């Protein structure tokens, strides 16, 4: 084998591994995104119910991120009397 054949072989191996890596990343990310998108759909008219509140009660309305939440003491529950 000559030096150019070895160089061509190494370039082919690196290209093959790179192609496989990119393919697997695209596949895994695509599957994760598709499985995550189904969590955001409404189940009001579906056979799948996420919670009893969603089935019986009013539709859930989430607060926008700009809504003030008030003050909260995160360490209040960890104090001993």
N, C-alpha and C. Protein backbone atom coordinates (compact mmCIF):
# COMPACT_ATOMS: atom_id res chain seq x y z
N UNK A 1 0.84 -1.17 0.00
CA UNK A 1 0.00 0.00 0.00
C UNK A 1 0.88 1.24 0.00
N UNK A 2 0.43 2.18 -0.74
CA UNK A 2 1.19 3.43 -0.82
C UNK A 2 0.62 4.44 0.17
N UNK A 3 1.33 5.52 0.33
CA UNK A 3 0.91 6.56 1.28
C UNK A 3 -0.42 7.19 0.85
N UNK A 4 -0.63 7.36 -0.44
CA UNK A 4 -1.88 7.96 -0.89
C UNK A 4 -3.07 7.03 -0.65
N UNK A 5 -2.88 5.73 -0.74
CA UNK A 5 -3.96 4.79 -0.45
C UNK A 5 -4.32 4.81 1.03
N UNK A 6 -3.31 4.89 1.88
CA UNK A 6 -3.57 4.95 3.33
C UNK A 6 -4.29 6.24 3.67
N UNK A 7 -3.86 7.34 3.06
CA UNK A 7 -4.51 8.62 3.30
C UNK A 7 -5.97 8.59 2.84
N UNK A 8 -6.22 8.01 1.67
CA UNK A 8 -7.61 7.88 1.18
C UNK A 8 -8.44 7.01 2.10
N UNK A 9 -7.85 5.96 2.63
CA UNK A 9 -8.56 5.07 3.55
C UNK A 9 -8.91 5.81 4.84
N UNK A 10 -7.98 6.57 5.39
CA UNK A 10 -8.25 7.32 6.61
C UNK A 10 -9.32 8.39 6.39
N UNK A 11 -9.28 9.07 5.26
CA UNK A 11 -10.29 10.09 4.95
C UNK A 11 -11.66 9.43 4.82
N UNK A 12 -11.72 8.27 4.19
CA UNK A 12 -12.99 7.56 4.06
C UNK A 12 -13.55 7.13 5.40
N UNK A 13 -12.69 6.67 6.30
CA UNK A 13 -13.14 6.25 7.64
C UNK A 13 -13.68 7.46 8.41
N UNK A 14 -12.97 8.58 8.36
CA UNK A 14 -13.43 9.78 9.07
C UNK A 14 -14.75 10.28 8.48
N UNK A 15 -14.89 10.27 7.17
CA UNK A 15 -16.15 10.70 6.55
C UNK A 15 -17.29 9.77 6.93
N UNK A 16 -17.03 8.49 6.95
CA UNK A 16 -18.07 7.52 7.32
C UNK A 16 -18.53 7.69 8.76
N UNK A 17 -17.58 7.85 9.67
CA UNK A 17 -17.94 8.05 11.08
C UNK A 17 -18.68 9.37 11.27
N UNK A 18 -18.27 10.40 10.57
CA UNK A 18 -18.95 11.69 10.66
C UNK A 18 -20.38 11.60 10.15
N UNK A 19 -20.57 10.90 9.04
CA UNK A 19 -21.91 10.75 8.48
C UNK A 19 -22.81 9.98 9.42
N UNK A 20 -22.31 8.91 9.99
CA UNK A 20 -23.11 8.11 10.93
C UNK A 20 -23.46 8.94 12.16
N UNK A 21 -22.50 9.72 12.66
CA UNK A 21 -22.74 10.55 13.85
C UNK A 21 -23.82 11.58 13.57
N UNK A 22 -23.75 12.26 12.45
CA UNK A 22 -24.75 13.27 12.11
C UNK A 22 -26.12 12.62 11.93
N UNK A 23 -26.18 11.48 11.28
CA UNK A 23 -27.44 10.79 11.08
C UNK A 23 -28.08 10.41 12.41
N UNK A 24 -27.30 9.85 13.34
CA UNK A 24 -27.85 9.46 14.63
C UNK A 24 -28.31 10.67 15.45
N UNK A 25 -27.55 11.76 15.39
CA UNK A 25 -27.97 12.97 16.11
C UNK A 25 -29.29 13.50 15.57
N UNK A 26 -29.42 13.56 14.26
CA UNK A 26 -30.67 14.04 13.65
C UNK A 26 -31.82 13.11 14.02
N UNK A 27 -31.58 11.82 14.00
CA UNK A 27 -32.62 10.86 14.35
C UNK A 27 -33.07 11.01 15.80
N UNK A 28 -32.13 11.07 16.74
CA UNK A 28 -32.48 11.19 18.15
C UNK A 28 -33.17 12.51 18.45
N UNK A 29 -32.66 13.60 17.91
CA UNK A 29 -33.27 14.91 18.17
C UNK A 29 -34.66 14.96 17.55
N UNK A 30 -34.83 14.42 16.36
CA UNK A 30 -36.14 14.39 15.72
C UNK A 30 -37.16 13.61 16.52
N UNK A 31 -36.77 12.45 17.03
CA UNK A 31 -37.68 11.63 17.83
C UNK A 31 -38.04 12.36 19.12
N UNK A 32 -37.06 12.97 19.77
CA UNK A 32 -37.34 13.70 21.01
C UNK A 32 -38.30 14.87 20.77
N UNK A 33 -38.11 15.60 19.70
CA UNK A 33 -38.98 16.73 19.40
C UNK A 33 -40.38 16.24 19.08
N UNK A 34 -40.51 15.20 18.29
CA UNK A 34 -41.85 14.69 17.95
C UNK A 34 -42.59 14.17 19.18
N UNK A 35 -41.89 13.50 20.08
CA UNK A 35 -42.54 12.99 21.28
C UNK A 35 -42.91 14.12 22.24
N UNK A 36 -42.14 15.19 22.23
CA UNK A 36 -42.43 16.32 23.10
C UNK A 36 -43.61 17.14 22.58
N UNK A 37 -43.76 17.26 21.28
CA UNK A 37 -44.85 18.07 20.72
C UNK A 37 -46.22 17.52 21.08
N UNK A 38 -46.33 16.21 21.29
CA UNK A 38 -47.64 15.63 21.60
C UNK A 38 -48.10 16.02 23.01
N UNK A 39 -47.19 16.46 23.87
CA UNK A 39 -47.59 16.85 25.22
C UNK A 39 -48.32 18.18 25.23
N UNK A 40 -48.16 19.01 24.19
CA UNK A 40 -48.72 20.33 24.19
C UNK A 40 -50.10 20.41 23.54
N UNK A 41 -50.58 19.32 22.99
CA UNK A 41 -51.88 19.37 22.33
C UNK A 41 -53.00 19.26 23.36
N UNK A 42 -54.13 19.81 23.04
CA UNK A 42 -55.28 19.77 23.94
C UNK A 42 -55.89 18.37 23.92
N UNK A 43 -56.28 17.90 25.08
CA UNK A 43 -56.90 16.58 25.16
C UNK A 43 -58.38 16.70 25.51
N UNK A 44 -58.95 17.88 25.33
CA UNK A 44 -60.36 18.08 25.67
C UNK A 44 -61.26 17.17 24.82
N UNK A 45 -60.98 17.01 23.55
CA UNK A 45 -61.81 16.19 22.66
C UNK A 45 -61.12 14.87 22.31
N UNK A 46 -60.29 14.38 23.19
CA UNK A 46 -59.52 13.18 22.92
C UNK A 46 -59.91 12.08 23.90
N UNK A 47 -59.55 10.86 23.57
CA UNK A 47 -59.79 9.76 24.49
C UNK A 47 -58.76 9.73 25.61
N UNK A 48 -57.66 10.43 25.44
CA UNK A 48 -56.62 10.50 26.45
C UNK A 48 -56.88 11.70 27.35
N UNK A 49 -56.90 11.47 28.65
CA UNK A 49 -57.13 12.54 29.62
C UNK A 49 -55.89 12.65 30.49
N UNK A 50 -55.35 13.87 30.60
CA UNK A 50 -54.14 14.07 31.39
C UNK A 50 -54.46 14.14 32.88
N UNK A 51 -55.58 14.72 33.23
CA UNK A 51 -55.96 14.82 34.64
C UNK A 51 -57.47 14.88 34.75
N UNK A 52 -57.97 14.62 35.96
CA UNK A 52 -59.41 14.68 36.19
C UNK A 52 -59.91 16.11 36.06
N UNK A 53 -59.10 17.09 36.47
CA UNK A 53 -59.49 18.49 36.33
C UNK A 53 -59.73 18.86 34.88
N UNK A 54 -58.92 18.33 34.00
CA UNK A 54 -59.09 18.64 32.58
C UNK A 54 -60.37 18.01 32.03
N UNK A 55 -60.74 16.85 32.54
CA UNK A 55 -61.93 16.16 32.06
C UNK A 55 -63.21 16.81 32.59
N UNK A 56 -63.23 17.15 33.86
CA UNK A 56 -64.46 17.62 34.50
C UNK A 56 -64.55 19.14 34.54
N UNK A 57 -63.46 19.79 34.89
CA UNK A 57 -63.50 21.22 35.14
C UNK A 57 -63.41 22.06 33.88
N UNK A 58 -63.19 23.34 34.13
CA UNK A 58 -63.00 24.30 33.05
C UNK A 58 -61.67 24.03 32.35
N UNK A 59 -61.53 24.51 31.12
CA UNK A 59 -60.23 24.36 30.45
C UNK A 59 -59.13 25.07 31.24
N UNK A 60 -57.97 24.52 31.21
CA UNK A 60 -56.84 25.08 31.96
C UNK A 60 -56.30 26.29 31.20
N UNK A 61 -56.20 27.42 31.89
CA UNK A 61 -55.63 28.63 31.32
C UNK A 61 -54.35 28.94 32.09
N UNK A 62 -53.24 28.88 31.43
CA UNK A 62 -51.97 29.14 32.07
C UNK A 62 -51.68 30.62 32.11
N UNK A 63 -51.00 31.06 33.16
CA UNK A 63 -50.65 32.46 33.30
C UNK A 63 -49.49 32.80 32.39
N UNK A 64 -49.48 34.01 31.84
CA UNK A 64 -48.33 34.41 31.02
C UNK A 64 -47.11 34.64 31.93
N UNK A 65 -45.91 34.58 31.38
CA UNK A 65 -44.72 34.72 32.20
C UNK A 65 -44.56 36.10 32.83
N UNK A 66 -45.28 37.10 32.34
CA UNK A 66 -45.13 38.44 32.88
C UNK A 66 -46.05 38.70 34.07
N UNK A 67 -46.89 37.76 34.45
CA UNK A 67 -47.81 37.93 35.56
C UNK A 67 -47.02 37.97 36.87
N UNK A 68 -47.29 38.99 37.74
CA UNK A 68 -46.56 39.04 39.01
C UNK A 68 -47.01 37.88 39.90
N UNK A 69 -46.07 37.27 40.58
CA UNK A 69 -46.36 36.10 41.41
C UNK A 69 -46.38 36.43 42.91
N UNK A 70 -45.91 37.61 43.29
CA UNK A 70 -45.86 37.95 44.70
C UNK A 70 -44.55 37.50 45.30
N UNK A 71 -44.42 37.69 46.60
CA UNK A 71 -43.18 37.32 47.29
C UNK A 71 -43.27 35.87 47.74
N UNK A 72 -42.15 35.23 47.78
CA UNK A 72 -42.08 33.84 48.23
C UNK A 72 -40.80 33.64 49.02
N UNK A 73 -40.93 33.00 50.18
CA UNK A 73 -39.76 32.69 50.98
C UNK A 73 -39.40 31.24 50.73
N UNK A 74 -38.35 31.00 49.98
CA UNK A 74 -38.00 29.63 49.61
C UNK A 74 -37.46 28.83 50.78
N UNK A 75 -36.96 29.50 51.78
CA UNK A 75 -36.37 28.79 52.92
C UNK A 75 -37.35 28.65 54.08
N UNK A 76 -38.58 29.11 53.94
CA UNK A 76 -39.52 29.07 55.04
C UNK A 76 -39.84 27.65 55.48
N UNK A 77 -39.90 26.72 54.57
CA UNK A 77 -40.23 25.35 54.93
C UNK A 77 -39.09 24.59 55.57
N UNK A 78 -37.87 25.11 55.48
CA UNK A 78 -36.73 24.38 56.04
C UNK A 78 -36.36 24.82 57.45
N UNK A 79 -37.05 25.82 57.99
CA UNK A 79 -36.74 26.30 59.33
C UNK A 79 -37.43 25.44 60.36
N UNK A 80 -36.73 25.24 61.47
CA UNK A 80 -37.32 24.50 62.61
C UNK A 80 -37.91 25.49 63.59
N UNK A 81 -39.05 25.16 64.18
CA UNK A 81 -39.66 26.11 65.14
C UNK A 81 -38.87 26.22 66.41
